[in-house]
Amino acid sequence: MNAKATDYTTILPIGKENAISTNELAVIMGFSDSRSLQTDIAKSRNAGQIILSSTQGGYYLPKDDAEVQEFVAVLRARAINTFRALKSAREYLQKDKGQMSFNDLEGIEDEL
């Protein structure tokens, strides 16, 4: 059974400058480790909540569209780097082992 997504809109501060660290938020939320918190936040994001994060600051709610745009740009750059690494690994498998091609990934964004 799927548990209900946590409503972080009443917990997180507004604005990147007020972000709360992963460790501090995990303690506040009663999680024993940061991985459990990250899993819970992913579930809430999948349910439609806009929860922003930064590698240096922690988690927060957006104060304006500019913060959301910045977050999107950072995630997009990470995704591109991840897909580049995936592409080279797939090409290696195809070349040396006769397995999957990068074309197998077409439409993957539609599945997210």
Protein backbone atom coordinates (compact mmCIF):
# COMPACT_ATOMS: atom_id res chain seq x y z
CA MET A 1 0.00 0.00 0.00
CA ASN A 2 1.32 3.46 -0.88
CA ALA A 3 1.63 5.88 2.01
CA LYS A 4 0.37 9.42 1.59
CA ALA A 5 2.94 11.99 0.48
CA THR A 6 4.24 14.28 3.21
CA ASP A 7 3.10 17.90 2.87
CA TYR A 8 6.36 19.82 2.98
CA THR A 9 4.65 23.15 2.21
CA THR A 10 4.04 23.71 5.92
CA ILE A 11 7.50 22.57 6.98
CA LEU A 12 10.05 24.03 4.59
CA PRO A 13 11.20 27.64 4.63
CA ILE A 14 10.62 29.91 1.64
CA GLY A 15 13.65 31.04 -0.35
CA LYS A 16 17.04 29.55 -1.11
CA GLU A 17 18.71 31.79 1.48
CA ASN A 18 16.58 30.11 4.17
CA ALA A 19 17.14 26.51 3.04
CA ILE A 20 17.28 23.85 5.73
CA SER A 21 20.04 21.24 5.57
CA THR A 22 19.29 17.63 4.79
CA ASN A 23 20.54 16.47 8.18
CA GLU A 24 18.53 19.06 10.10
CA LEU A 25 15.36 18.31 8.13
CA ALA A 26 15.84 14.57 8.64
CA VAL A 27 15.97 15.13 12.42
CA ILE A 28 12.91 17.41 12.38
CA MET A 29 10.96 14.87 10.29
CA GLY A 30 12.03 11.94 12.47
CA PHE A 31 14.02 10.06 9.82
CA SER A 32 16.97 8.01 10.95
CA ASP A 33 19.04 8.90 7.89
CA SER A 34 19.19 11.32 4.98
CA ARG A 35 18.39 8.62 2.42
CA SER A 36 14.97 8.05 4.00
CA LEU A 37 14.29 11.79 3.88
CA GLN A 38 15.34 11.98 0.23
CA THR A 39 13.03 9.09 -0.62
CA ASP A 40 10.14 10.81 1.14
CA ILE A 41 10.84 14.11 -0.63
CA ALA A 42 10.97 12.28 -3.98
CA LYS A 43 7.52 10.83 -3.23
CA SER A 44 6.17 14.30 -2.42
CA ARG A 45 7.72 15.74 -5.58
CA ASN A 46 6.15 12.93 -7.59
CA ALA A 47 2.82 13.91 -6.03
CA GLY A 48 3.26 17.41 -7.45
CA GLN A 49 4.89 19.41 -4.67
CA ILE A 50 7.49 21.98 -5.73
CA ILE A 51 10.37 21.29 -3.35
CA LEU A 52 13.64 22.88 -4.34
CA SER A 53 17.10 21.94 -3.16
CA SER A 54 20.68 22.99 -3.55
CA THR A 55 23.85 21.07 -2.87
CA GLN A 56 25.10 23.73 -0.47
CA GLY A 57 21.94 24.97 1.18
CA GLY A 58 19.46 22.15 1.58
CA TYR A 59 15.71 22.11 0.95
CA TYR A 60 13.33 25.03 0.53
CA LEU A 61 10.18 26.28 -1.17
CA PRO A 62 10.54 28.78 -4.01
CA LYS A 63 10.13 32.46 -3.24
CA ASP A 64 9.73 33.32 -6.94
CA ASP A 65 9.90 31.96 -10.48
CA ALA A 66 13.61 32.78 -10.73
CA GLU A 67 14.42 30.21 -8.03
CA VAL A 68 12.39 27.57 -9.86
CA GLN A 69 14.13 28.42 -13.14
CA GLU A 70 17.53 28.13 -11.46
CA PHE A 71 16.57 24.75 -9.98
CA VAL A 72 15.35 23.52 -13.38
CA ALA A 73 18.61 24.64 -15.03
CA VAL A 74 20.71 22.80 -12.44
CA LEU A 75 18.67 19.59 -12.77
CA ARG A 76 18.77 19.83 -16.56
CA ALA A 77 22.58 20.12 -16.51
CA ARG A 78 22.80 17.10 -14.19
CA ALA A 79 20.46 15.12 -16.44
CA ILE A 80 22.53 15.95 -19.52
CA ASN A 81 25.70 14.78 -17.78
CA THR A 82 23.97 11.61 -16.64
CA PHE A 83 22.68 10.87 -20.15
CA ARG A 84 26.17 11.46 -21.59
CA ALA A 85 27.60 8.92 -19.17
CA LEU A 86 24.76 6.54 -19.99
CA LYS A 87 25.32 7.01 -23.71
CA SER A 88 29.01 6.13 -23.51
CA ALA A 89 28.26 3.08 -21.36
CA ARG A 90 25.58 1.88 -23.79
CA GLU A 91 27.91 2.46 -26.75
CA TYR A 92 30.56 0.41 -25.00
CA LEU A 93 28.12 -2.45 -24.50
CA GLN A 94 26.96 -2.29 -28.10
CA LYS A 95 30.45 -2.10 -29.57
CA ASP A 96 32.15 -4.67 -27.42
CA LYS A 97 29.34 -6.98 -26.48
CA GLY A 98 26.78 -6.54 -29.26
CA GLN A 99 24.10 -5.34 -26.83
CA MET A 100 21.82 -2.32 -26.40
CA SER A 101 22.06 0.92 -28.36
CA PHE A 102 21.48 4.48 -27.21
CA ASN A 103 18.31 4.48 -29.30
CA ASP A 104 16.79 2.23 -26.64
CA LEU A 105 16.48 5.37 -24.51
CA GLU A 106 14.22 7.27 -26.90
CA GLY A 107 11.09 8.41 -25.11
CA ILE A 108 12.52 7.79 -21.63
CA GLU A 109 11.38 11.26 -20.49
CA ASP A 110 7.79 10.20 -21.22
CA GLU A 111 8.14 7.42 -18.65
CA LEU A 112 9.21 9.73 -15.82
